[in-house]
Amino acid sequence: MVKGELPKKWQQSANVAKAVQIAFDMDMQLQYSIRRSALDKGISPSEQIRHLLELPTNKKPKRPRLTVSLSDEDYQRLGERYNIPADQQLEIKKSVIEELTRFAQQSDYHKSK
């Protein structure tokens, strides 16, 4: 390795860091169509956009997950909802997963699969 050069295992991350995320302001129905087609294919909306634009996509699927940002106030509210102290975030997360699972199992989308 030459002085000032990144280690090989870091070079890929450096290339990713150079990428610039762009956002598209589109009609809600158009956004829904793209998101829904991605969902039906089991890929992310950004992967669907790359596919539509004939850009390279990830061959290896990413770990599917849902995310939400929670503030301290959110944890306080959820703690009250589940009768769990707000500082027990892992226990709150478990309760959230249980509630989301119940919702998903009762939804029309789950029943149709």
Protein backbone atom coordinates (compact mmCIF):
# COMPACT_ATOMS: atom_id res chain seq x y z
CA MET A 1 0.00 0.00 0.00
CA VAL A 2 1.34 3.40 -1.00
CA LYS A 3 1.40 6.08 1.68
CA GLY A 4 -1.88 8.04 1.60
CA GLU A 5 -3.71 5.25 -0.26
CA LEU A 6 -6.74 3.63 1.34
CA PRO A 7 -6.57 -0.07 2.24
CA LYS A 8 -8.27 -2.25 -0.40
CA LYS A 9 -11.16 -3.17 1.90
CA TRP A 10 -11.91 0.54 2.42
CA GLN A 11 -11.71 1.55 -1.25
CA GLN A 12 -15.22 0.26 -2.05
CA SER A 13 -16.65 2.28 0.85
CA ALA A 14 -14.83 5.37 -0.42
CA ASN A 15 -16.48 4.97 -3.83
CA VAL A 16 -19.89 4.65 -2.19
CA ALA A 17 -19.21 7.74 -0.10
CA LYS A 18 -18.65 9.71 -3.31
CA ALA A 19 -22.17 8.89 -4.52
CA VAL A 20 -24.70 11.71 -4.23
CA GLN A 21 -28.27 10.98 -3.27
CA ILE A 22 -30.87 12.85 -5.28
CA ALA A 23 -34.58 13.20 -4.60
CA PHE A 24 -37.34 13.37 -7.16
CA ASP A 25 -40.40 15.54 -6.56
CA MET A 26 -43.17 13.63 -8.30
CA ASP A 27 -46.91 13.30 -8.13
CA MET A 28 -47.96 10.98 -5.28
CA GLN A 29 -49.60 8.52 -7.69
CA LEU A 30 -46.38 8.25 -9.72
CA GLN A 31 -44.35 7.71 -6.54
CA TYR A 32 -46.83 5.07 -5.43
CA SER A 33 -46.51 3.24 -8.76
CA ILE A 34 -42.73 3.08 -8.49
CA ARG A 35 -42.80 2.08 -4.82
CA ARG A 36 -45.46 -0.55 -5.41
CA SER A 37 -43.61 -2.09 -8.36
CA ALA A 38 -40.47 -2.24 -6.21
CA LEU A 39 -42.39 -3.84 -3.37
CA ASP A 40 -43.90 -6.42 -5.72
CA LYS A 41 -40.37 -7.29 -6.90
CA GLY A 42 -39.01 -7.39 -3.35
CA ILE A 43 -36.54 -4.59 -3.95
CA SER A 44 -36.10 -1.06 -2.64
CA PRO A 45 -37.57 1.91 -4.51
CA SER A 46 -34.04 3.15 -5.23
CA GLU A 47 -33.14 -0.23 -6.76
CA GLN A 48 -36.31 -0.04 -8.88
CA ILE A 49 -35.34 3.43 -10.11
CA ARG A 50 -31.83 2.17 -10.97
CA HIS A 51 -33.42 -0.76 -12.83
CA LEU A 52 -35.77 1.56 -14.76
CA LEU A 53 -32.82 3.80 -15.70
CA GLU A 54 -30.81 0.72 -16.72
CA LEU A 55 -28.12 1.46 -14.12
CA PRO A 56 -26.24 -1.32 -12.30
CA THR A 57 -28.02 -2.69 -9.24
CA ASN A 58 -26.85 -4.70 -6.26
CA LYS A 59 -26.66 -8.39 -7.05
CA LYS A 60 -26.74 -9.35 -3.40
CA PRO A 61 -30.07 -8.45 -1.78
CA LYS A 62 -29.82 -6.22 1.24
CA ARG A 63 -31.27 -7.26 4.55
CA PRO A 64 -34.96 -6.39 4.36
CA ARG A 65 -36.00 -4.17 7.22
CA LEU A 66 -38.32 -1.37 8.16
CA THR A 67 -36.98 1.68 9.91
CA VAL A 68 -38.38 4.52 11.96
CA SER A 69 -36.56 7.25 13.88
CA LEU A 70 -37.58 7.54 17.52
CA SER A 71 -36.84 10.49 19.79
CA ASP A 72 -36.58 10.36 23.57
CA GLU A 73 -40.15 11.69 23.67
CA ASP A 74 -41.25 8.85 21.37
CA TYR A 75 -39.67 6.30 23.71
CA GLN A 76 -41.45 7.99 26.61
CA ARG A 77 -44.82 7.66 24.85
CA LEU A 78 -44.16 4.07 23.79
CA GLY A 79 -43.00 3.20 27.28
CA GLU A 80 -46.32 4.47 28.63
CA ARG A 81 -48.20 2.60 25.89
CA TYR A 82 -46.51 -0.71 26.75
CA ASN A 83 -46.07 -0.12 30.49
CA ILE A 84 -42.28 -0.27 30.14
CA PRO A 85 -39.81 2.32 31.47
CA ALA A 86 -38.65 4.60 28.64
CA ASP A 87 -34.99 3.76 29.22
CA GLN A 88 -35.62 0.07 28.42
CA GLN A 89 -35.43 0.67 24.69
CA LEU A 90 -34.77 -2.96 23.75
CA GLU A 91 -37.94 -4.08 25.58
CA ILE A 92 -39.89 -1.29 23.89
CA LYS A 93 -38.51 -2.41 20.52
CA LYS A 94 -39.68 -5.97 21.22
CA SER A 95 -43.18 -4.70 22.02
CA VAL A 96 -43.22 -2.60 18.85
CA ILE A 97 -42.21 -5.65 16.78
CA GLU A 98 -45.02 -7.67 18.37
CA GLU A 99 -47.57 -4.94 17.60
CA LEU A 100 -46.37 -4.52 14.02
CA THR A 101 -46.44 -8.30 13.54
CA ARG A 102 -50.04 -8.48 14.77
CA PHE A 103 -50.98 -5.65 12.40
CA ALA A 104 -49.27 -7.29 9.42
CA GLN A 105 -50.80 -10.71 10.11
CA GLN A 106 -54.28 -9.17 10.16
CA SER A 107 -53.78 -7.05 7.04
CA ASP A 108 -55.29 -7.85 3.66
CA TYR A 109 -51.79 -7.97 2.15
CA HIS A 110 -50.71 -10.76 4.48
CA LYS A 111 -53.86 -12.77 3.83
CA SER A 112 -53.43 -12.61 0.04
CA LYS A 113 -49.98 -14.22 0.09
